[in-house]
């Protein structure tokens, strides 16, 4: 697990991606996103 979001909106990230990845959702579009910045080969 690299990123998660609860029904209440709380987020959690693996230590390896903290500060670089962001999980978000758009309920109206039935979509969840993962924004990944500062990508590394380890990703």
ModelCIF file with pLDDT and N, C-alpha, C, O atoms, coordinates in Angstrom:
data_MODEL
#
_entry.id   MODEL 
#
_entity.id                         1 
_entity.type                       polymer 
_entity.pdbx_number_of_molecules   1 
#
_entity_poly.entity_id                      1 
_entity_poly.type                           'polypeptide(L)' 
_entity_poly.nstd_linkage                   no 
_entity_poly.nstd_monomer                   no 
_entity_poly.pdbx_seq_one_letter_code       
;(UNK)(UNK)(UNK)(UNK)(UNK)(UNK)(UNK)(UNK)(UNK)(UNK)(UNK)(UNK)(UNK)(UNK)(UNK)(UNK)
(UNK)(UNK)(UNK)(UNK)(UNK)(UNK)(UNK)(UNK)(UNK)(UNK)(UNK)(UNK)(UNK)(UNK)(UNK)(UNK)
(UNK)(UNK)(UNK)(UNK)(UNK)(UNK)(UNK)(UNK)(UNK)(UNK)(UNK)
;
_entity_poly.pdbx_seq_one_letter_code_can   XXXXXXXXXXXXXXXXXXXXXXXXXXXXXXXXXXXXXXXXXXX 
_entity_poly.pdbx_strand_id                 A 
#
loop_
_entity_poly_seq.entity_id 
_entity_poly_seq.num 
_entity_poly_seq.mon_id 
_entity_poly_seq.hetero 
1 1  UNK n 
1 2  UNK n 
1 3  UNK n 
1 4  UNK n 
1 5  UNK n 
1 6  UNK n 
1 7  UNK n 
1 8  UNK n 
1 9  UNK n 
1 10 UNK n 
1 11 UNK n 
1 12 UNK n 
1 13 UNK n 
1 14 UNK n 
1 15 UNK n 
1 16 UNK n 
1 17 UNK n 
1 18 UNK n 
1 19 UNK n 
1 20 UNK n 
1 21 UNK n 
1 22 UNK n 
1 23 UNK n 
1 24 UNK n 
1 25 UNK n 
1 26 UNK n 
1 27 UNK n 
1 28 UNK n 
1 29 UNK n 
1 30 UNK n 
1 31 UNK n 
1 32 UNK n 
1 33 UNK n 
1 34 UNK n 
1 35 UNK n 
1 36 UNK n 
1 37 UNK n 
1 38 UNK n 
1 39 UNK n 
1 40 UNK n 
1 41 UNK n 
1 42 UNK n 
1 43 UNK n 
#
_struct_asym.id          A 
_struct_asym.entity_id   1 
#
loop_
_ma_qa_metric.id 
_ma_qa_metric.mode 
_ma_qa_metric.name 
_ma_qa_metric.software_group_id 
_ma_qa_metric.type 
1 global pLDDT . pLDDT 
2 local  pLDDT . pLDDT 
#
_ma_qa_metric_global.metric_id      1 
_ma_qa_metric_global.metric_value   95.88 
_ma_qa_metric_global.model_id       1 
_ma_qa_metric_global.ordinal_id     1 
#
loop_
_ma_qa_metric_local.label_asym_id 
_ma_qa_metric_local.label_comp_id 
_ma_qa_metric_local.label_seq_id 
_ma_qa_metric_local.metric_id 
_ma_qa_metric_local.metric_value 
_ma_qa_metric_local.model_id 
_ma_qa_metric_local.ordinal_id 
A UNK 1  2 98.00 1 1  
A UNK 2  2 98.00 1 2  
A UNK 3  2 98.00 1 3  
A UNK 4  2 98.00 1 4  
A UNK 5  2 96.00 1 5  
A UNK 6  2 93.00 1 6  
A UNK 7  2 88.00 1 7  
A UNK 8  2 90.00 1 8  
A UNK 9  2 92.00 1 9  
A UNK 10 2 96.00 1 10 
A UNK 11 2 97.00 1 11 
A UNK 12 2 97.00 1 12 
A UNK 13 2 98.00 1 13 
A UNK 14 2 98.00 1 14 
A UNK 15 2 98.00 1 15 
A UNK 16 2 97.00 1 16 
A UNK 17 2 98.00 1 17 
A UNK 18 2 98.00 1 18 
A UNK 19 2 98.00 1 19 
A UNK 20 2 98.00 1 20 
A UNK 21 2 98.00 1 21 
A UNK 22 2 98.00 1 22 
A UNK 23 2 98.00 1 23 
A UNK 24 2 97.00 1 24 
A UNK 25 2 95.00 1 25 
A UNK 26 2 92.00 1 26 
A UNK 27 2 86.00 1 27 
A UNK 28 2 87.00 1 28 
A UNK 29 2 91.00 1 29 
A UNK 30 2 91.00 1 30 
A UNK 31 2 94.00 1 31 
A UNK 32 2 96.00 1 32 
A UNK 33 2 97.00 1 33 
A UNK 34 2 98.00 1 34 
A UNK 35 2 98.00 1 35 
A UNK 36 2 98.00 1 36 
A UNK 37 2 98.00 1 37 
A UNK 38 2 98.00 1 38 
A UNK 39 2 98.00 1 39 
A UNK 40 2 98.00 1 40 
A UNK 41 2 98.00 1 41 
A UNK 42 2 97.00 1 42 
A UNK 43 2 98.00 1 43 
#
loop_
_atom_site.group_PDB 
_atom_site.id 
_atom_site.type_symbol 
_atom_site.label_atom_id 
_atom_site.label_alt_id 
_atom_site.label_comp_id 
_atom_site.label_asym_id 
_atom_site.label_entity_id 
_atom_site.label_seq_id 
_atom_site.pdbx_PDB_ins_code 
_atom_site.Cartn_x 
_atom_site.Cartn_y 
_atom_site.Cartn_z 
_atom_site.occupancy 
_atom_site.B_iso_or_equiv 
_atom_site.pdbx_formal_charge 
_atom_site.auth_seq_id 
_atom_site.auth_comp_id 
_atom_site.auth_asym_id 
_atom_site.auth_atom_id 
_atom_site.pdbx_PDB_model_num 
ATOM 1   N N  . UNK A 1 1  ? 0.846   -1.182 0.000   1.00 98.00 ? 1  UNK A N  1 
ATOM 2   C CA . UNK A 1 1  ? 0.000   0.000  0.000   1.00 98.00 ? 1  UNK A CA 1 
ATOM 3   C C  . UNK A 1 1  ? 0.883   1.233  0.000   1.00 98.00 ? 1  UNK A C  1 
ATOM 4   O O  . UNK A 1 1  ? 1.752   1.380  0.859   1.00 98.00 ? 1  UNK A O  1 
ATOM 5   N N  . UNK A 1 2  ? 0.665   2.115  -0.955  1.00 98.00 ? 2  UNK A N  1 
ATOM 6   C CA . UNK A 1 2  ? 1.448   3.340  -1.019  1.00 98.00 ? 2  UNK A CA 1 
ATOM 7   C C  . UNK A 1 2  ? 0.660   4.555  -0.564  1.00 98.00 ? 2  UNK A C  1 
ATOM 8   O O  . UNK A 1 2  ? 1.242   5.509  -0.047  1.00 98.00 ? 2  UNK A O  1 
ATOM 9   N N  . UNK A 1 3  ? -0.642  4.536  -0.747  1.00 98.00 ? 3  UNK A N  1 
ATOM 10  C CA . UNK A 1 3  ? -1.473  5.665  -0.346  1.00 98.00 ? 3  UNK A CA 1 
ATOM 11  C C  . UNK A 1 3  ? -2.900  5.199  -0.148  1.00 98.00 ? 3  UNK A C  1 
ATOM 12  O O  . UNK A 1 3  ? -3.404  4.368  -0.903  1.00 98.00 ? 3  UNK A O  1 
ATOM 13  N N  . UNK A 1 4  ? -3.541  5.732  0.859   1.00 98.00 ? 4  UNK A N  1 
ATOM 14  C CA . UNK A 1 4  ? -4.920  5.372  1.124   1.00 98.00 ? 4  UNK A CA 1 
ATOM 15  C C  . UNK A 1 4  ? -5.714  6.549  1.639   1.00 98.00 ? 4  UNK A C  1 
ATOM 16  O O  . UNK A 1 4  ? -5.164  7.500  2.195   1.00 98.00 ? 4  UNK A O  1 
ATOM 17  N N  . UNK A 1 5  ? -7.014  6.470  1.445   1.00 96.00 ? 5  UNK A N  1 
ATOM 18  C CA . UNK A 1 5  ? -7.911  7.503  1.941   1.00 96.00 ? 5  UNK A CA 1 
ATOM 19  C C  . UNK A 1 5  ? -9.167  6.825  2.458   1.00 96.00 ? 5  UNK A C  1 
ATOM 20  O O  . UNK A 1 5  ? -9.734  5.960  1.789   1.00 96.00 ? 5  UNK A O  1 
ATOM 21  N N  . UNK A 1 6  ? -9.598  7.215  3.640   1.00 93.00 ? 6  UNK A N  1 
ATOM 22  C CA . UNK A 1 6  ? -10.786 6.635  4.245   1.00 93.00 ? 6  UNK A CA 1 
ATOM 23  C C  . UNK A 1 6  ? -12.030 7.354  3.753   1.00 93.00 ? 6  UNK A C  1 
ATOM 24  O O  . UNK A 1 6  ? -11.952 8.386  3.086   1.00 93.00 ? 6  UNK A O  1 
ATOM 25  N N  . UNK A 1 7  ? -13.171 6.791  4.096   1.00 88.00 ? 7  UNK A N  1 
ATOM 26  C CA . UNK A 1 7  ? -14.428 7.419  3.717   1.00 88.00 ? 7  UNK A CA 1 
ATOM 27  C C  . UNK A 1 7  ? -14.570 8.809  4.318   1.00 88.00 ? 7  UNK A C  1 
ATOM 28  O O  . UNK A 1 7  ? -15.271 9.660  3.770   1.00 88.00 ? 7  UNK A O  1 
ATOM 29  N N  . UNK A 1 8  ? -13.909 9.037  5.436   1.00 90.00 ? 8  UNK A N  1 
ATOM 30  C CA . UNK A 1 8  ? -13.946 10.337 6.081   1.00 90.00 ? 8  UNK A CA 1 
ATOM 31  C C  . UNK A 1 8  ? -12.932 11.327 5.553   1.00 90.00 ? 8  UNK A C  1 
ATOM 32  O O  . UNK A 1 8  ? -12.928 12.488 5.961   1.00 90.00 ? 8  UNK A O  1 
ATOM 33  N N  . UNK A 1 9  ? -12.072 10.883 4.651   1.00 92.00 ? 9  UNK A N  1 
ATOM 34  C CA . UNK A 1 9  ? -11.111 11.777 4.039   1.00 92.00 ? 9  UNK A CA 1 
ATOM 35  C C  . UNK A 1 9  ? -9.713  11.737 4.625   1.00 92.00 ? 9  UNK A C  1 
ATOM 36  O O  . UNK A 1 9  ? -8.827  12.451 4.154   1.00 92.00 ? 9  UNK A O  1 
ATOM 37  N N  . UNK A 1 10 ? -9.499  10.923 5.636   1.00 96.00 ? 10 UNK A N  1 
ATOM 38  C CA . UNK A 1 10 ? -8.163  10.799 6.207   1.00 96.00 ? 10 UNK A CA 1 
ATOM 39  C C  . UNK A 1 10 ? -7.252  10.055 5.250   1.00 96.00 ? 10 UNK A C  1 
ATOM 40  O O  . UNK A 1 10 ? -7.657  9.071  4.632   1.00 96.00 ? 10 UNK A O  1 
ATOM 41  N N  . UNK A 1 11 ? -6.032  10.524 5.131   1.00 97.00 ? 11 UNK A N  1 
ATOM 42  C CA . UNK A 1 11 ? -5.076  9.918  4.207   1.00 97.00 ? 11 UNK A CA 1 
ATOM 43  C C  . UNK A 1 11 ? -3.900  9.327  4.945   1.00 97.00 ? 11 UNK A C  1 
ATOM 44  O O  . UNK A 1 11 ? -3.570  9.726  6.062   1.00 97.00 ? 11 UNK A O  1 
ATOM 45  N N  . UNK A 1 12 ? -3.279  8.369  4.294   1.00 97.00 ? 12 UNK A N  1 
ATOM 46  C CA . UNK A 1 12 ? -2.103  7.724  4.841   1.00 97.00 ? 12 UNK A CA 1 
ATOM 47  C C  . UNK A 1 12 ? -1.188  7.342  3.693   1.00 97.00 ? 12 UNK A C  1 
ATOM 48  O O  . UNK A 1 12 ? -1.645  6.960  2.616   1.00 97.00 ? 12 UNK A O  1 
ATOM 49  N N  . UNK A 1 13 ? 0.112   7.449  3.936   1.00 98.00 ? 13 UNK A N  1 
ATOM 50  C CA . UNK A 1 13 ? 1.082   7.171  2.899   1.00 98.00 ? 13 UNK A CA 1 
ATOM 51  C C  . UNK A 1 13 ? 2.205   6.307  3.423   1.00 98.00 ? 13 UNK A C  1 
ATOM 52  O O  . UNK A 1 13 ? 2.584   6.385  4.592   1.00 98.00 ? 13 UNK A O  1 
ATOM 53  N N  . UNK A 1 14 ? 2.723   5.490  2.542   1.00 98.00 ? 14 UNK A N  1 
ATOM 54  C CA . UNK A 1 14 ? 3.934   4.765  2.879   1.00 98.00 ? 14 UNK A CA 1 
ATOM 55  C C  . UNK A 1 14 ? 5.068   5.757  3.087   1.00 98.00 ? 14 UNK A C  1 
ATOM 56  O O  . UNK A 1 14 ? 5.120   6.803  2.441   1.00 98.00 ? 14 UNK A O  1 
ATOM 57  N N  . UNK A 1 15 ? 5.966   5.420  3.986   1.00 98.00 ? 15 UNK A N  1 
ATOM 58  C CA . UNK A 1 15 ? 7.074   6.323  4.281   1.00 98.00 ? 15 UNK A CA 1 
ATOM 59  C C  . UNK A 1 15 ? 7.875   6.679  3.030   1.00 98.00 ? 15 UNK A C  1 
ATOM 60  O O  . UNK A 1 15 ? 8.382   7.794  2.902   1.00 98.00 ? 15 UNK A O  1 
ATOM 61  N N  . UNK A 1 16 ? 7.981   5.742  2.132   1.00 97.00 ? 16 UNK A N  1 
ATOM 62  C CA . UNK A 1 16 ? 8.791   5.943  0.945   1.00 97.00 ? 16 UNK A CA 1 
ATOM 63  C C  . UNK A 1 16 ? 8.228   6.982  -0.016  1.00 97.00 ? 16 UNK A C  1 
ATOM 64  O O  . UNK A 1 16 ? 8.949   7.475  -0.882  1.00 97.00 ? 16 UNK A O  1 
ATOM 65  N N  . UNK A 1 17 ? 6.947   7.321  0.126   1.00 98.00 ? 17 UNK A N  1 
ATOM 66  C CA . UNK A 1 17 ? 6.328   8.261  -0.804  1.00 98.00 ? 17 UNK A CA 1 
ATOM 67  C C  . UNK A 1 17 ? 5.812   9.520  -0.128  1.00 98.00 ? 17 UNK A C  1 
ATOM 68  O O  . UNK A 1 17 ? 5.304   10.415 -0.802  1.00 98.00 ? 17 UNK A O  1 
ATOM 69  N N  . UNK A 1 18 ? 5.931   9.605  1.174   1.00 98.00 ? 18 UNK A N  1 
ATOM 70  C CA . UNK A 1 18 ? 5.447   10.778 1.890   1.00 98.00 ? 18 UNK A CA 1 
ATOM 71  C C  . UNK A 1 18 ? 6.117   12.044 1.375   1.00 98.00 ? 18 UNK A C  1 
ATOM 72  O O  . UNK A 1 18 ? 7.332   12.097 1.184   1.00 98.00 ? 18 UNK A O  1 
ATOM 73  N N  . UNK A 1 19 ? 5.303   13.043 1.159   1.00 98.00 ? 19 UNK A N  1 
ATOM 74  C CA . UNK A 1 19 ? 5.801   14.306 0.648   1.00 98.00 ? 19 UNK A CA 1 
ATOM 75  C C  . UNK A 1 19 ? 5.905   14.366 -0.851  1.00 98.00 ? 19 UNK A C  1 
ATOM 76  O O  . UNK A 1 19 ? 6.126   15.438 -1.414  1.00 98.00 ? 19 UNK A O  1 
ATOM 77  N N  . UNK A 1 20 ? 5.748   13.227 -1.517  1.00 98.00 ? 20 UNK A N  1 
ATOM 78  C CA . UNK A 1 20 ? 5.859   13.183 -2.970  1.00 98.00 ? 20 UNK A CA 1 
ATOM 79  C C  . UNK A 1 20 ? 4.556   12.787 -3.654  1.00 98.00 ? 20 UNK A C  1 
ATOM 80  O O  . UNK A 1 20 ? 4.246   13.279 -4.739  1.00 98.00 ? 20 UNK A O  1 
ATOM 81  N N  . UNK A 1 21 ? 3.797   11.902 -3.022  1.00 98.00 ? 21 UNK A N  1 
ATOM 82  C CA . UNK A 1 21 ? 2.552   11.404 -3.601  1.00 98.00 ? 21 UNK A CA 1 
ATOM 83  C C  . UNK A 1 21 ? 1.362   11.997 -2.864  1.00 98.00 ? 21 UNK A C  1 
ATOM 84  O O  . UNK A 1 21 ? 1.431   12.269 -1.665  1.00 98.00 ? 21 UNK A O  1 
ATOM 85  N N  . UNK A 1 22 ? 0.282   12.192 -3.588  1.00 98.00 ? 22 UNK A N  1 
ATOM 86  C CA . UNK A 1 22 ? -0.954  12.682 -2.999  1.00 98.00 ? 22 UNK A CA 1 
ATOM 87  C C  . UNK A 1 22 ? -2.131  11.895 -3.558  1.00 98.00 ? 22 UNK A C  1 
ATOM 88  O O  . UNK A 1 22 ? -2.310  11.807 -4.773  1.00 98.00 ? 22 UNK A O  1 
ATOM 89  N N  . UNK A 1 23 ? -2.922  11.330 -2.672  1.00 98.00 ? 23 UNK A N  1 
ATOM 90  C CA . UNK A 1 23 ? -4.130  10.639 -3.087  1.00 98.00 ? 23 UNK A CA 1 
ATOM 91  C C  . UNK A 1 23 ? -5.316  11.582 -2.923  1.00 98.00 ? 23 UNK A C  1 
ATOM 92  O O  . UNK A 1 23 ? -5.398  12.334 -1.952  1.00 98.00 ? 23 UNK A O  1 
ATOM 93  N N  . UNK A 1 24 ? -6.216  11.532 -3.869  1.00 97.00 ? 24 UNK A N  1 
ATOM 94  C CA . UNK A 1 24 ? -7.400  12.368 -3.812  1.00 97.00 ? 24 UNK A CA 1 
ATOM 95  C C  . UNK A 1 24 ? -8.543  11.653 -4.510  1.00 97.00 ? 24 UNK A C  1 
ATOM 96  O O  . UNK A 1 24 ? -8.344  10.637 -5.176  1.00 97.00 ? 24 UNK A O  1 
ATOM 97  N N  . UNK A 1 25 ? -9.725  12.187 -4.351  1.00 95.00 ? 25 UNK A N  1 
ATOM 98  C CA . UNK A 1 25 ? -10.895 11.569 -4.965  1.00 95.00 ? 25 UNK A CA 1 
ATOM 99  C C  . UNK A 1 25 ? -11.854 12.625 -5.453  1.00 95.00 ? 25 UNK A C  1 
ATOM 100 O O  . UNK A 1 25 ? -11.871 13.754 -4.961  1.00 95.00 ? 25 UNK A O  1 
ATOM 101 N N  . UNK A 1 26 ? -12.645 12.245 -6.420  1.00 92.00 ? 26 UNK A N  1 
ATOM 102 C CA . UNK A 1 26 ? -13.720 13.078 -6.935  1.00 92.00 ? 26 UNK A CA 1 
ATOM 103 C C  . UNK A 1 26 ? -14.951 12.188 -6.952  1.00 92.00 ? 26 UNK A C  1 
ATOM 104 O O  . UNK A 1 26 ? -15.162 11.415 -7.887  1.00 92.00 ? 26 UNK A O  1 
ATOM 105 N N  . UNK A 1 27 ? -15.746 12.303 -5.926  1.00 86.00 ? 27 UNK A N  1 
ATOM 106 C CA . UNK A 1 27 ? -16.901 11.427 -5.791  1.00 86.00 ? 27 UNK A CA 1 
ATOM 107 C C  . UNK A 1 27 ? -17.897 11.587 -6.940  1.00 86.00 ? 27 UNK A C  1 
ATOM 108 O O  . UNK A 1 27 ? -18.519 10.617 -7.373  1.00 86.00 ? 27 UNK A O  1 
ATOM 109 N N  . UNK A 1 28 ? -18.038 12.804 -7.423  1.00 87.00 ? 28 UNK A N  1 
ATOM 110 C CA . UNK A 1 28 ? -18.974 13.052 -8.511  1.00 87.00 ? 28 UNK A CA 1 
ATOM 111 C C  . UNK A 1 28 ? -18.570 12.325 -9.783  1.00 87.00 ? 28 UNK A C  1 
ATOM 112 O O  . UNK A 1 28 ? -19.425 11.983 -10.601 1.00 87.00 ? 28 UNK A O  1 
ATOM 113 N N  . UNK A 1 29 ? -17.294 12.089 -9.955  1.00 91.00 ? 29 UNK A N  1 
ATOM 114 C CA . UNK A 1 29 ? -16.787 11.408 -11.137 1.00 91.00 ? 29 UNK A CA 1 
ATOM 115 C C  . UNK A 1 29 ? -16.418 9.956  -10.869 1.00 91.00 ? 29 UNK A C  1 
ATOM 116 O O  . UNK A 1 29 ? -15.884 9.274  -11.744 1.00 91.00 ? 29 UNK A O  1 
ATOM 117 N N  . UNK A 1 30 ? -16.700 9.490  -9.675  1.00 91.00 ? 30 UNK A N  1 
ATOM 118 C CA . UNK A 1 30 ? -16.380 8.113  -9.290  1.00 91.00 ? 30 UNK A CA 1 
ATOM 119 C C  . UNK A 1 30 ? -14.914 7.795  -9.552  1.00 91.00 ? 30 UNK A C  1 
ATOM 120 O O  . UNK A 1 30 ? -14.576 6.733  -10.075 1.00 91.00 ? 30 UNK A O  1 
ATOM 121 N N  . UNK A 1 31 ? -14.065 8.721  -9.183  1.00 94.00 ? 31 UNK A N  1 
ATOM 122 C CA . UNK A 1 31 ? -12.652 8.625  -9.541  1.00 94.00 ? 31 UNK A CA 1 
ATOM 123 C C  . UNK A 1 31 ? -11.756 8.874  -8.341  1.00 94.00 ? 31 UNK A C  1 
ATOM 124 O O  . UNK A 1 31 ? -12.024 9.740  -7.509  1.00 94.00 ? 31 UNK A O  1 
ATOM 125 N N  . UNK A 1 32 ? -10.698 8.103  -8.272  1.00 96.00 ? 32 UNK A N  1 
ATOM 126 C CA . UNK A 1 32 ? -9.645  8.330  -7.297  1.00 96.00 ? 32 UNK A CA 1 
ATOM 127 C C  . UNK A 1 32 ? -8.344  8.554  -8.054  1.00 96.00 ? 32 UNK A C  1 
ATOM 128 O O  . UNK A 1 32 ? -8.083  7.904  -9.067  1.00 96.00 ? 32 UNK A O  1 
ATOM 129 N N  . UNK A 1 33 ? -7.539  9.470  -7.559  1.00 97.00 ? 33 UNK A N  1 
ATOM 130 C CA . UNK A 1 33 ? -6.314  9.855  -8.228  1.00 97.00 ? 33 UNK A CA 1 
ATOM 131 C C  . UNK A 1 33 ? -5.102  9.602  -7.343  1.00 97.00 ? 33 UNK A C  1 
ATOM 132 O O  . UNK A 1 33 ? -5.198  9.547  -6.117  1.00 97.00 ? 33 UNK A O  1 
ATOM 133 N N  . UNK A 1 34 ? -3.984  9.453  -7.989  1.00 98.00 ? 34 UNK A N  1 
ATOM 134 C CA . UNK A 1 34 ? -2.713  9.440  -7.296  1.00 98.00 ? 34 UNK A CA 1 
ATOM 135 C C  . UNK A 1 34 ? -1.758  10.361 -8.047  1.00 98.00 ? 34 UNK A C  1 
ATOM 136 O O  . UNK A 1 34 ? -1.281  10.031 -9.133  1.00 98.00 ? 34 UNK A O  1 
ATOM 137 N N  . UNK A 1 35 ? -1.490  11.510 -7.457  1.00 98.00 ? 35 UNK A N  1 
ATOM 138 C CA . UNK A 1 35 ? -0.522  12.434 -8.016  1.00 98.00 ? 35 UNK A CA 1 
ATOM 139 C C  . UNK A 1 35 ? 0.852   12.051 -7.513  1.00 98.00 ? 35 UNK A C  1 
ATOM 140 O O  . UNK A 1 35 ? 1.088   12.002 -6.306  1.00 98.00 ? 35 UNK A O  1 
ATOM 141 N N  . UNK A 1 36 ? 1.753   11.783 -8.427  1.00 98.00 ? 36 UNK A N  1 
ATOM 142 C CA . UNK A 1 36 ? 3.089   11.333 -8.084  1.00 98.00 ? 36 UNK A CA 1 
ATOM 143 C C  . UNK A 1 36 ? 4.101   12.352 -8.590  1.00 98.00 ? 36 UNK A C  1 
ATOM 144 O O  . UNK A 1 36 ? 4.237   12.560 -9.795  1.00 98.00 ? 36 UNK A O  1 
ATOM 145 N N  . UNK A 1 37 ? 4.799   12.978 -7.671  1.00 98.00 ? 37 UNK A N  1 
ATOM 146 C CA . UNK A 1 37 ? 5.814   13.962 -7.996  1.00 98.00 ? 37 UNK A CA 1 
ATOM 147 C C  . UNK A 1 37 ? 7.181   13.477 -7.543  1.00 98.00 ? 37 UNK A C  1 
ATOM 148 O O  . UNK A 1 37 ? 7.296   12.558 -6.733  1.00 98.00 ? 37 UNK A O  1 
ATOM 149 N N  . UNK A 1 38 ? 8.207   14.108 -8.077  1.00 98.00 ? 38 UNK A N  1 
ATOM 150 C CA . UNK A 1 38 ? 9.583   13.768 -7.718  1.00 98.00 ? 38 UNK A CA 1 
ATOM 151 C C  . UNK A 1 38 ? 9.823   12.268 -7.791  1.00 98.00 ? 38 UNK A C  1 
ATOM 152 O O  . UNK A 1 38 ? 10.377  11.667 -6.870  1.00 98.00 ? 38 UNK A O  1 
ATOM 153 N N  . UNK A 1 39 ? 9.408   11.687 -8.874  1.00 98.00 ? 39 UNK A N  1 
ATOM 154 C CA . UNK A 1 39 ? 9.486   10.241 -9.021  1.00 98.00 ? 39 UNK A CA 1 
ATOM 155 C C  . UNK A 1 39 ? 10.928  9.749  -9.021  1.00 98.00 ? 39 UNK A C  1 
ATOM 156 O O  . UNK A 1 39 ? 11.838  10.409 -9.522  1.00 98.00 ? 39 UNK A O  1 
ATOM 157 N N  . UNK A 1 40 ? 11.098  8.583  -8.448  1.00 98.00 ? 40 UNK A N  1 
ATOM 158 C CA . UNK A 1 40 ? 12.393  7.944  -8.343  1.00 98.00 ? 40 UNK A CA 1 
ATOM 159 C C  . UNK A 1 40 ? 12.352  6.586  -9.030  1.00 98.00 ? 40 UNK A C  1 
ATOM 160 O O  . UNK A 1 40 ? 11.276  6.006  -9.181  1.00 98.00 ? 40 UNK A O  1 
ATOM 161 N N  . UNK A 1 41 ? 13.496  6.072  -9.444  1.00 98.00 ? 41 UNK A N  1 
ATOM 162 C CA . UNK A 1 41 ? 13.507  4.727  -10.033 1.00 98.00 ? 41 UNK A CA 1 
ATOM 163 C C  . UNK A 1 41 ? 12.894  3.677  -9.115  1.00 98.00 ? 41 UNK A C  1 
ATOM 164 O O  . UNK A 1 41 ? 12.314  2.702  -9.592  1.00 98.00 ? 41 UNK A O  1 
ATOM 165 N N  . UNK A 1 42 ? 13.013  3.863  -7.821  1.00 97.00 ? 42 UNK A N  1 
ATOM 166 C CA . UNK A 1 42 ? 12.439  2.933  -6.864  1.00 97.00 ? 42 UNK A CA 1 
ATOM 167 C C  . UNK A 1 42 ? 10.914  2.894  -6.911  1.00 97.00 ? 42 UNK A C  1 
ATOM 168 O O  . UNK A 1 42 ? 10.300  1.968  -6.381  1.00 97.00 ? 42 UNK A O  1 
ATOM 169 N N  . UNK A 1 43 ? 10.309  3.883  -7.535  1.00 98.00 ? 43 UNK A N  1 
ATOM 170 C CA . UNK A 1 43 ? 8.859   3.914  -7.671  1.00 98.00 ? 43 UNK A CA 1 
ATOM 171 C C  . UNK A 1 43 ? 8.360   3.045  -8.819  1.00 98.00 ? 43 UNK A C  1 
ATOM 172 O O  . UNK A 1 43 ? 7.155   2.970  -9.058  1.00 98.00 ? 43 UNK A O  1 
#
